[in-house]
Amino acid sequence: MLPVSVLLPVYHRVPAEQFEASLNSVLEQTQPVAELIIIADGPLTDELDAIIERACNEHDTVQCLRLAENRGVAVATQAGLERATQPWIARQDADDISLPERFERMMALLEIRPDLGALGAAMYEFSGTPDNIVGTRSMPESAEAVKRYARFNNPVNNPTSIVHRERTIAAGGIQHLHLMEDYDLMARLIAAGHPVENLAEPLVLFRADPGMFTRRRDRRIFASEWDMQRRLKRYGLISTPRMLFNMAVRSGVRLIPASWFTKLYALVFRRDRADATERA
């Protein structure tokens, strides 16, 4: 089995059929992982509980960690990180789907690059059903390109990420920062001197529903954005002028009309690998 603990947070609003598909995509990998930890973020529906109970009964590698109340993805993921026993930790969102070779492909690189703090990959974005692919989101691949890109944006597709457990804990673990917990963690790993890289191959099907764009434009995101920029400066990744530039550009983009925002997202993020590296 691969030395990976997969963390799968779920809460009561996740549709049961989406969660089951996500869960099965981990259980049906070409090479099985050593551990799958489902984190029940507060009380769940009967349908979700039934899926979890069945998975735990049928698979020795599956366990469920239950939180008494809904605390959010950062708290849930941190709880799973503390429970995990394997040296590598993978994220699995409750409504996304890992392609069958995701962990085999990623661990093949990590076996020869054990110095990495994190590894990501490209991902397919889909709308409605997994066969309706609307784009491919790629990220810079090399550690240097990733580090440059991190000065302005999250350099890893979070649903694809695998992080080194001990290095993540030493860097402060998963900390709450509305919609930017993953960006903050990658920045801290890079600042600590741990290389972060990406594979060019898409290994996850990411659900790009309309709510994805709404969440990136709500009122709370501006406070989160300002906090993230100050953290980047504190970590030594950007200067004060760059911090102010980032804040102006990133916040300004969120204020444009929703239809423009959607088109801009597609233009910037749904690109091929060569373009992603060039833009870093």
C-alpha atoms as a PDB file:
ATOM      1  CA  MET A   1       0.000   0.000   0.000  1.00  0.00           C
ATOM      2  CA  LEU A   2       1.103   3.541  -0.670  1.00  0.00           C
ATOM      3  CA  PRO A   3       2.305   5.435   2.455  1.00  0.00           C
ATOM      4  CA  VAL A   4      -0.475   8.013   2.158  1.00  0.00           C
ATOM      5  CA  SER A   5      -3.229   9.163   4.502  1.00  0.00           C
ATOM      6  CA  VAL A   6      -6.118  10.636   2.502  1.00  0.00           C
ATOM      7  CA  LEU A   7      -8.157  13.236   4.406  1.00  0.00           C
ATOM      8  CA  LEU A   8     -11.775  13.493   3.263  1.00  0.00           C
ATOM      9  CA  PRO A   9     -13.780  16.152   5.158  1.00  0.00           C
ATOM     10  CA  VAL A  10     -17.556  16.122   4.661  1.00  0.00           C
ATOM     11  CA  TYR A  11     -20.417  18.137   6.132  1.00  0.00           C
ATOM     12  CA  HIS A  12     -24.195  17.879   6.043  1.00  0.00           C
ATOM     13  CA  ARG A  13     -24.782  19.939   2.884  1.00  0.00           C
ATOM     14  CA  VAL A  14     -22.743  17.688   0.591  1.00  0.00           C
ATOM     15  CA  PRO A  15     -25.105  15.636  -1.626  1.00  0.00           C
ATOM     16  CA  ALA A  16     -24.829  11.941  -0.787  1.00  0.00           C
ATOM     17  CA  GLU A  17     -24.286  10.878  -4.403  1.00  0.00           C
ATOM     18  CA  GLN A  18     -21.398  13.321  -4.814  1.00  0.00           C
ATOM     19  CA  PHE A  19     -19.760  12.190  -1.595  1.00  0.00           C
ATOM     20  CA  GLU A  20     -20.109   8.518  -2.522  1.00  0.00           C
ATOM     21  CA  ALA A  21     -18.524   9.127  -5.920  1.00  0.00           C
ATOM     22  CA  SER A  22     -15.655  11.007  -4.286  1.00  0.00           C
ATOM     23  CA  LEU A  23     -15.132   8.300  -1.678  1.00  0.00           C
ATOM     24  CA  ASN A  24     -15.224   5.511  -4.263  1.00  0.00           C
ATOM     25  CA  SER A  25     -12.652   7.305  -6.411  1.00  0.00           C
ATOM     26  CA  VAL A  26     -10.157   6.898  -3.545  1.00  0.00           C
ATOM     27  CA  LEU A  27     -11.100   3.296  -2.848  1.00  0.00           C
ATOM     28  CA  GLU A  28     -10.779   2.323  -6.525  1.00  0.00           C
ATOM     29  CA  GLN A  29      -7.239   3.573  -7.143  1.00  0.00           C
ATOM     30  CA  THR A  30      -4.803   1.522  -9.210  1.00  0.00           C
ATOM     31  CA  GLN A  31      -2.645   1.345  -6.067  1.00  0.00           C
ATOM     32  CA  PRO A  32      -4.439   1.533  -2.713  1.00  0.00           C
ATOM     33  CA  VAL A  33      -3.480   4.009  -0.023  1.00  0.00           C
ATOM     34  CA  ALA A  34      -2.679   2.889   3.508  1.00  0.00           C
ATOM     35  CA  GLU A  35      -5.241   5.089   5.201  1.00  0.00           C
ATOM     36  CA  LEU A  36      -8.433   6.999   4.381  1.00  0.00           C
ATOM     37  CA  ILE A  37      -9.737   9.255   7.142  1.00  0.00           C
ATOM     38  CA  ILE A  38     -13.240  10.633   6.686  1.00  0.00           C
ATOM     39  CA  ILE A  39     -13.749  13.707   8.868  1.00  0.00           C
ATOM     40  CA  ALA A  40     -17.428  14.252   9.676  1.00  0.00           C
ATOM     41  CA  ASP A  41     -17.506  18.013  10.210  1.00  0.00           C
ATOM     42  CA  GLY A  42     -20.485  18.102  12.569  1.00  0.00           C
ATOM     43  CA  PRO A  43     -23.697  16.027  12.428  1.00  0.00           C
ATOM     44  CA  LEU A  44     -24.433  14.563   8.990  1.00  0.00           C
ATOM     45  CA  THR A  45     -27.512  13.379   7.146  1.00  0.00           C
ATOM     46  CA  ASP A  46     -28.668   9.781   7.455  1.00  0.00           C
ATOM     47  CA  GLU A  47     -27.635   9.178   3.843  1.00  0.00           C
ATOM     48  CA  LEU A  48     -24.073  10.373   4.443  1.00  0.00           C
ATOM     49  CA  ASP A  49     -23.804   8.399   7.683  1.00  0.00           C
ATOM     50  CA  ALA A  50     -24.938   5.241   5.886  1.00  0.00           C
ATOM     51  CA  ILE A  51     -22.257   5.652   3.206  1.00  0.00           C
ATOM     52  CA  ILE A  52     -19.571   6.170   5.852  1.00  0.00           C
ATOM     53  CA  GLU A  53     -20.693   3.192   7.926  1.00  0.00           C
ATOM     54  CA  ARG A  54     -20.655   0.923   4.889  1.00  0.00           C
ATOM     55  CA  ALA A  55     -17.189   2.077   3.838  1.00  0.00           C
ATOM     56  CA  CYS A  56     -15.766   1.562   7.331  1.00  0.00           C
ATOM     57  CA  ASN A  57     -17.272  -1.912   7.558  1.00  0.00           C
ATOM     58  CA  GLU A  58     -16.045  -3.018   4.142  1.00  0.00           C
ATOM     59  CA  HIS A  59     -12.535  -1.516   4.139  1.00  0.00           C
ATOM     60  CA  ASP A  60      -9.936  -1.918   6.895  1.00  0.00           C
ATOM     61  CA  THR A  61      -8.124   1.199   5.666  1.00  0.00           C
ATOM     62  CA  VAL A  62     -11.148   3.482   6.198  1.00  0.00           C
ATOM     63  CA  GLN A  63     -11.944   5.227   9.466  1.00  0.00           C
ATOM     64  CA  CYS A  64     -14.207   8.092  10.481  1.00  0.00           C
ATOM     65  CA  LEU A  65     -13.269  10.968  12.769  1.00  0.00           C
ATOM     66  CA  ARG A  66     -16.362  12.805  14.006  1.00  0.00           C
ATOM     67  CA  LEU A  67     -16.406  16.424  15.182  1.00  0.00           C
ATOM     68  CA  ALA A  68     -19.245  17.411  17.501  1.00  0.00           C
ATOM     69  CA  GLU A  69     -20.120  20.524  15.510  1.00  0.00           C
ATOM     70  CA  ASN A  70     -19.446  22.021  12.106  1.00  0.00           C
ATOM     71  CA  ARG A  71     -16.145  23.917  12.406  1.00  0.00           C
ATOM     72  CA  GLY A  72     -15.152  24.394   8.777  1.00  0.00           C
ATOM     73  CA  VAL A  73     -12.706  22.746   6.428  1.00  0.00           C
ATOM     74  CA  ALA A  74      -9.541  24.072   8.105  1.00  0.00           C
ATOM     75  CA  VAL A  75     -10.423  22.687  11.528  1.00  0.00           C
ATOM     76  CA  ALA A  76     -11.646  19.415  10.034  1.00  0.00           C
ATOM     77  CA  THR A  77      -8.520  18.938   7.939  1.00  0.00           C
ATOM     78  CA  GLN A  78      -6.223  19.806  10.845  1.00  0.00           C
ATOM     79  CA  ALA A  79      -8.024  17.221  12.986  1.00  0.00           C
ATOM     80  CA  GLY A  80      -7.436  14.649  10.262  1.00  0.00           C
ATOM     81  CA  LEU A  81      -3.784  15.654   9.987  1.00  0.00           C
ATOM     82  CA  GLU A  82      -3.329  15.044  13.706  1.00  0.00           C
ATOM     83  CA  ARG A  83      -4.986  11.622  13.437  1.00  0.00           C
ATOM     84  CA  ALA A  84      -3.054  10.519  10.339  1.00  0.00           C
ATOM     85  CA  THR A  85      -0.233   7.999  10.648  1.00  0.00           C
ATOM     86  CA  GLN A  86       1.350   8.046   7.182  1.00  0.00           C
ATOM     87  CA  PRO A  87       4.257  10.282   6.072  1.00  0.00           C
ATOM     88  CA  TRP A  88       2.291  11.783   3.167  1.00  0.00           C
ATOM     89  CA  ILE A  89      -1.094  13.483   3.468  1.00  0.00           C
ATOM     90  CA  ALA A  90      -3.485  13.871   0.536  1.00  0.00           C
ATOM     91  CA  ARG A  91      -6.533  16.113   0.291  1.00  0.00           C
ATOM     92  CA  GLN A  92      -9.772  14.799  -1.162  1.00  0.00           C
ATOM     93  CA  ASP A  93     -12.725  17.177  -1.430  1.00  0.00           C
ATOM     94  CA  ALA A  94     -16.112  15.581  -0.780  1.00  0.00           C
ATOM     95  CA  ASP A  95     -17.537  16.543  -4.167  1.00  0.00           C
ATOM     96  CA  ASP A  96     -14.475  15.999  -6.376  1.00  0.00           C
ATOM     97  CA  ILE A  97     -13.194  12.814  -7.993  1.00  0.00           C
ATOM     98  CA  SER A  98      -9.659  11.452  -8.061  1.00  0.00           C
ATOM     99  CA  LEU A  99      -8.730   9.772 -11.319  1.00  0.00           C
ATOM    100  CA  PRO A 100      -7.750   6.094 -10.863  1.00  0.00           C
ATOM    101  CA  GLU A 101      -3.992   6.644 -11.159  1.00  0.00           C
ATOM    102  CA  ARG A 102      -3.763   9.792  -9.033  1.00  0.00           C
ATOM    103  CA  PHE A 103      -1.862   8.366  -6.082  1.00  0.00           C
ATOM    104  CA  GLU A 104       0.219   5.912  -8.099  1.00  0.00           C
ATOM    105  CA  ARG A 105       1.446   8.736 -10.349  1.00  0.00           C
ATOM    106  CA  MET A 106       2.116  11.202  -7.547  1.00  0.00           C
ATOM    107  CA  MET A 107       3.852   8.763  -5.228  1.00  0.00           C
ATOM    108  CA  ALA A 108       6.110   7.614  -8.063  1.00  0.00           C
ATOM    109  CA  LEU A 109       7.610  11.109  -8.080  1.00  0.00           C
ATOM    110  CA  LEU A 110       7.617  11.500  -4.303  1.00  0.00           C
ATOM    111  CA  GLU A 111       9.596   8.281  -3.940  1.00  0.00           C
ATOM    112  CA  ILE A 112      12.452   9.889  -5.869  1.00  0.00           C
ATOM    113  CA  ARG A 113      11.848  13.391  -4.499  1.00  0.00           C
ATOM    114  CA  PRO A 114      11.348  12.843  -0.748  1.00  0.00           C
ATOM    115  CA  ASP A 115      12.647  16.378  -0.132  1.00  0.00           C
ATOM    116  CA  LEU A 116       9.431  17.963  -1.413  1.00  0.00           C
ATOM    117  CA  GLY A 117       7.145  19.746   1.009  1.00  0.00           C
ATOM    118  CA  ALA A 118       4.147  19.323  -1.298  1.00  0.00           C
ATOM    119  CA  LEU A 119       3.194  18.030  -4.715  1.00  0.00           C
ATOM    120  CA  GLY A 120       0.204  19.010  -6.813  1.00  0.00           C
ATOM    121  CA  ALA A 121      -1.073  18.251 -10.286  1.00  0.00           C
ATOM    122  CA  ALA A 122      -3.229  19.655 -13.032  1.00  0.00           C
ATOM    123  CA  MET A 123      -6.961  18.980 -12.828  1.00  0.00           C
ATOM    124  CA  TYR A 124      -9.958  18.812 -15.107  1.00  0.00           C
ATOM    125  CA  GLU A 125     -12.824  21.137 -14.221  1.00  0.00           C
ATOM    126  CA  PHE A 126     -16.310  19.807 -14.912  1.00  0.00           C
ATOM    127  CA  SER A 127     -19.844  21.140 -14.643  1.00  0.00           C
ATOM    128  CA  GLY A 128     -22.842  18.977 -13.773  1.00  0.00           C
ATOM    129  CA  THR A 129     -21.553  15.513 -14.606  1.00  0.00           C
ATOM    130  CA  PRO A 130     -17.899  14.378 -14.692  1.00  0.00           C
ATOM    131  CA  ASP A 131     -18.030  13.787 -18.437  1.00  0.00           C
ATOM    132  CA  ASN A 132     -18.815  17.482 -19.047  1.00  0.00           C
ATOM    133  CA  ILE A 133     -15.254  18.834 -18.923  1.00  0.00           C
ATOM    134  CA  VAL A 134     -15.178  22.634 -19.187  1.00  0.00           C
ATOM    135  CA  GLY A 135     -11.433  23.155 -18.915  1.00  0.00           C
ATOM    136  CA  THR A 136      -8.073  22.044 -17.583  1.00  0.00           C
ATOM    137  CA  ARG A 137      -6.423  23.981 -14.781  1.00  0.00           C
ATOM    138  CA  SER A 138      -2.639  23.626 -14.809  1.00  0.00           C
ATOM    139  CA  MET A 139      -0.010  25.110 -12.531  1.00  0.00           C
ATOM    140  CA  PRO A 140       3.747  25.814 -12.859  1.00  0.00           C
ATOM    141  CA  GLU A 141       5.732  22.613 -12.461  1.00  0.00           C
ATOM    142  CA  SER A 142       9.261  23.328 -11.241  1.00  0.00           C
ATOM    143  CA  ALA A 143      10.016  24.443  -7.692  1.00  0.00           C
ATOM    144  CA  GLU A 144      11.380  27.781  -8.883  1.00  0.00           C
ATOM    145  CA  ALA A 145       8.364  28.506 -11.073  1.00  0.00           C
ATOM    146  CA  VAL A 146       6.049  27.531  -8.219  1.00  0.00           C
ATOM    147  CA  LYS A 147       7.875  29.859  -5.835  1.00  0.00           C
ATOM    148  CA  ARG A 148       7.570  32.775  -8.263  1.00  0.00           C
ATOM    149  CA  TYR A 149       3.888  32.099  -8.872  1.00  0.00           C
ATOM    150  CA  ALA A 150       3.221  31.914  -5.117  1.00  0.00           C
ATOM    151  CA  ARG A 151       4.047  35.621  -4.800  1.00  0.00           C
ATOM    152  CA  PHE A 152       0.690  36.400  -6.408  1.00  0.00           C
ATOM    153  CA  ASN A 153      -1.524  33.317  -6.270  1.00  0.00           C
ATOM    154  CA  ASN A 154      -1.858  29.841  -4.805  1.00  0.00           C
ATOM    155  CA  PRO A 155       0.628  27.734  -6.819  1.00  0.00           C
ATOM    156  CA  VAL A 156      -1.066  24.361  -6.232  1.00  0.00           C
ATOM    157  CA  ASN A 157      -4.522  23.077  -7.124  1.00  0.00           C
ATOM    158  CA  ASN A 158      -5.620  22.217  -3.602  1.00  0.00           C
ATOM    159  CA  PRO A 159      -7.865  19.244  -4.557  1.00  0.00           C
ATOM    160  CA  THR A 160      -4.787  17.551  -6.030  1.00  0.00           C
ATOM    161  CA  SER A 161      -2.309  18.246  -3.233  1.00  0.00           C
ATOM    162  CA  ILE A 162      -0.171  15.810  -1.275  1.00  0.00           C
ATOM    163  CA  VAL A 163       1.899  17.283   1.574  1.00  0.00           C
ATOM    164  CA  HIS A 164       4.604  15.891   3.817  1.00  0.00           C
ATOM    165  CA  ARG A 165       3.018  15.338   7.221  1.00  0.00           C
ATOM    166  CA  GLU A 166       5.916  16.282   9.506  1.00  0.00           C
ATOM    167  CA  ARG A 167       6.933  19.304   7.421  1.00  0.00           C
ATOM    168  CA  THR A 168       3.330  20.503   7.392  1.00  0.00           C
ATOM    169  CA  ILE A 169       3.042  20.190  11.163  1.00  0.00           C
ATOM    170  CA  ALA A 170       6.389  21.954  11.664  1.00  0.00           C
ATOM    171  CA  ALA A 171       5.184  24.789   9.418  1.00  0.00           C
ATOM    172  CA  GLY A 172       2.115  25.338  11.604  1.00  0.00           C
ATOM    173  CA  GLY A 173      -0.403  22.888  10.176  1.00  0.00           C
ATOM    174  CA  ILE A 174      -3.637  23.932   8.497  1.00  0.00           C
ATOM    175  CA  GLN A 175      -4.732  27.318   9.788  1.00  0.00           C
ATOM    176  CA  HIS A 176      -8.116  28.959   9.305  1.00  0.00           C
ATOM    177  CA  LEU A 177      -8.109  31.636   6.612  1.00  0.00           C
ATOM    178  CA  HIS A 178     -11.376  31.913   4.728  1.00  0.00           C
ATOM    179  CA  LEU A 179     -10.985  30.230   1.297  1.00  0.00           C
ATOM    180  CA  MET A 180      -7.189  30.580   1.497  1.00  0.00           C
ATOM    181  CA  GLU A 181      -6.088  27.915   3.970  1.00  0.00           C
ATOM    182  CA  ASP A 182      -4.394  25.979   1.184  1.00  0.00           C
ATOM    183  CA  TYR A 183      -2.583  29.027  -0.231  1.00  0.00           C
ATOM    184  CA  ASP A 184      -1.333  29.920   3.233  1.00  0.00           C
ATOM    185  CA  LEU A 185       0.011  26.404   3.832  1.00  0.00           C
ATOM    186  CA  MET A 186       1.860  26.303   0.510  1.00  0.00           C
ATOM    187  CA  ALA A 187       3.388  29.721   1.229  1.00  0.00           C
ATOM    188  CA  ARG A 188       4.600  28.560   4.643  1.00  0.00           C
ATOM    189  CA  LEU A 189       6.124  25.376   3.229  1.00  0.00           C
ATOM    190  CA  ILE A 190       7.947  27.370   0.547  1.00  0.00           C
ATOM    191  CA  ALA A 191       9.117  29.961   3.082  1.00  0.00           C
ATOM    192  CA  ALA A 192      10.475  27.135   5.264  1.00  0.00           C
ATOM    193  CA  GLY A 193      12.671  25.999   2.369  1.00  0.00           C
ATOM    194  CA  HIS A 194      10.663  22.939   1.325  1.00  0.00           C
ATOM    195  CA  PRO A 195      10.324  22.702  -2.487  1.00  0.00           C
ATOM    196  CA  VAL A 196       6.810  22.508  -3.908  1.00  0.00           C
ATOM    197  CA  GLU A 197       6.194  21.142  -7.398  1.00  0.00           C
ATOM    198  CA  ASN A 198       3.332  20.173  -9.727  1.00  0.00           C
ATOM    199  CA  LEU A 199       2.753  17.404 -12.221  1.00  0.00           C
ATOM    200  CA  ALA A 200       1.529  18.409 -15.672  1.00  0.00           C
ATOM    201  CA  GLU A 201      -0.890  15.493 -15.828  1.00  0.00           C
ATOM    202  CA  PRO A 202      -4.520  16.138 -14.744  1.00  0.00           C
ATOM    203  CA  LEU A 203      -5.272  13.718 -11.910  1.00  0.00           C
ATOM    204  CA  VAL A 204      -8.479  15.084 -10.355  1.00  0.00           C
ATOM    205  CA  LEU A 205     -11.937  15.976 -11.639  1.00  0.00           C
ATOM    206  CA  PHE A 206     -12.856  19.259  -9.934  1.00  0.00           C
ATOM    207  CA  ARG A 207     -16.512  20.308  -9.648  1.00  0.00           C
ATOM    208  CA  ALA A 208     -16.696  23.860 -11.036  1.00  0.00           C
ATOM    209  CA  ASP A 209     -20.218  24.773  -9.951  1.00  0.00           C
ATOM    210  CA  PRO A 210     -21.579  28.368 -10.094  1.00  0.00           C
ATOM    211  CA  GLY A 211     -21.188  28.710  -6.328  1.00  0.00           C
ATOM    212  CA  MET A 212     -17.411  28.520  -6.779  1.00  0.00           C
ATOM    213  CA  PHE A 213     -17.441  32.010  -8.282  1.00  0.00           C
ATOM    214  CA  THR A 214     -19.924  33.384  -5.748  1.00  0.00           C
ATOM    215  CA  ARG A 215     -17.734  32.269  -2.843  1.00  0.00           C
ATOM    216  CA  ARG A 216     -14.763  34.106  -4.335  1.00  0.00           C
ATOM    217  CA  ARG A 217     -16.716  37.370  -4.398  1.00  0.00           C
ATOM    218  CA  ASP A 218     -18.418  37.437  -1.000  1.00  0.00           C
ATOM    219  CA  ARG A 219     -17.726  40.170   1.522  1.00  0.00           C
ATOM    220  CA  ARG A 220     -15.524  38.062   3.783  1.00  0.00           C
ATOM    221  CA  ILE A 221     -13.002  37.393   1.033  1.00  0.00           C
ATOM    222  CA  PHE A 222     -11.584  40.924   1.169  1.00  0.00           C
ATOM    223  CA  ALA A 223     -10.554  40.597   4.828  1.00  0.00           C
ATOM    224  CA  SER A 224      -9.122  37.182   4.043  1.00  0.00           C
ATOM    225  CA  GLU A 225      -7.242  38.610   1.063  1.00  0.00           C
ATOM    226  CA  TRP A 226      -5.652  41.347   3.178  1.00  0.00           C
ATOM    227  CA  ASP A 227      -4.646  38.808   5.826  1.00  0.00           C
ATOM    228  CA  MET A 228      -3.099  36.559   3.171  1.00  0.00           C
ATOM    229  CA  GLN A 229      -1.056  39.387   1.665  1.00  0.00           C
ATOM    230  CA  ARG A 230       0.294  40.377   5.075  1.00  0.00           C
ATOM    231  CA  ARG A 231       1.233  36.769   5.714  1.00  0.00           C
ATOM    232  CA  LEU A 232       3.117  36.564   2.426  1.00  0.00           C
ATOM    233  CA  LYS A 233       5.111  39.617   3.471  1.00  0.00           C
ATOM    234  CA  ARG A 234       5.721  38.190   6.944  1.00  0.00           C
ATOM    235  CA  TYR A 235       6.943  34.930   5.431  1.00  0.00           C
ATOM    236  CA  GLY A 236       9.468  36.889   3.386  1.00  0.00           C
ATOM    237  CA  LEU A 237       7.976  35.973   0.008  1.00  0.00           C
ATOM    238  CA  ILE A 238       6.952  39.499  -1.063  1.00  0.00           C
ATOM    239  CA  SER A 239       7.838  43.121  -0.315  1.00  0.00           C
ATOM    240  CA  THR A 240       5.499  45.852   0.918  1.00  0.00           C
ATOM    241  CA  PRO A 241       5.048  47.352  -2.586  1.00  0.00           C
ATOM    242  CA  ARG A 242       4.258  43.909  -3.966  1.00  0.00           C
ATOM    243  CA  MET A 243       1.799  43.318  -1.108  1.00  0.00           C
ATOM    244  CA  LEU A 244      -0.090  46.528  -1.945  1.00  0.00           C
ATOM    245  CA  PHE A 245       0.009  45.745  -5.672  1.00  0.00           C
ATOM    246  CA  ASN A 246      -1.363  42.249  -5.091  1.00  0.00           C
ATOM    247  CA  MET A 247      -4.130  43.576  -2.873  1.00  0.00           C
ATOM    248  CA  ALA A 248      -5.198  46.194  -5.392  1.00  0.00           C
ATOM    249  CA  VAL A 249      -5.232  43.801  -8.343  1.00  0.00           C
ATOM    250  CA  ARG A 250      -6.781  40.793  -6.647  1.00  0.00           C
ATOM    251  CA  SER A 251      -9.452  42.821  -4.839  1.00  0.00           C
ATOM    252  CA  GLY A 252     -10.202  44.871  -7.935  1.00  0.00           C
ATOM    253  CA  VAL A 253     -10.833  41.747  -9.967  1.00  0.00           C
ATOM    254  CA  ARG A 254     -13.385  40.566  -7.412  1.00  0.00           C
ATOM    255  CA  LEU A 255     -15.378  43.785  -7.877  1.00  0.00           C
ATOM    256  CA  ILE A 256     -15.963  43.432 -11.603  1.00  0.00           C
ATOM    257  CA  PRO A 257     -19.378  42.174 -12.849  1.00  0.00           C
ATOM    258  CA  ALA A 258     -19.969  38.465 -12.264  1.00  0.00           C
ATOM    259  CA  SER A 259     -20.117  37.626 -15.971  1.00  0.00           C
ATOM    260  CA  TRP A 260     -16.736  39.284 -16.530  1.00  0.00           C
ATOM    261  CA  PHE A 261     -15.268  37.567 -13.481  1.00  0.00           C
ATOM    262  CA  THR A 262     -16.265  34.156 -14.843  1.00  0.00           C
ATOM    263  CA  LYS A 263     -14.711  34.898 -18.236  1.00  0.00           C
ATOM    264  CA  LEU A 264     -11.529  36.257 -16.634  1.00  0.00           C
ATOM    265  CA  TYR A 265     -11.221  33.131 -14.482  1.00  0.00           C
ATOM    266  CA  ALA A 266     -11.428  30.952 -17.597  1.00  0.00           C
ATOM    267  CA  LEU A 267      -8.842  33.088 -19.396  1.00  0.00           C
ATOM    268  CA  VAL A 268      -6.335  33.092 -16.518  1.00  0.00           C
ATOM    269  CA  PHE A 269      -6.707  29.614 -15.024  1.00  0.00           C
ATOM    270  CA  ARG A 270      -8.025  27.332 -17.760  1.00  0.00           C
ATOM    271  CA  ARG A 271      -4.830  27.194 -19.749  1.00  0.00           C
ATOM    272  CA  ASP A 272      -2.312  24.678 -20.946  1.00  0.00           C
ATOM    273  CA  ARG A 273       0.847  23.751 -19.065  1.00  0.00           C
ATOM    274  CA  ALA A 274       3.231  25.881 -21.126  1.00  0.00           C
ATOM    275  CA  ASP A 275       1.124  28.991 -20.626  1.00  0.00           C
ATOM    276  CA  ALA A 276       0.895  28.369 -16.891  1.00  0.00           C
ATOM    277  CA  THR A 277       4.666  28.228 -16.597  1.00  0.00           C
ATOM    278  CA  GLU A 278       5.115  31.315 -18.747  1.00  0.00           C
ATOM    279  CA  ARG A 279       2.753  33.336 -16.559  1.00  0.00           C
ATOM    280  CA  ALA A 280       4.534  32.404 -13.286  1.00  0.00           C
END
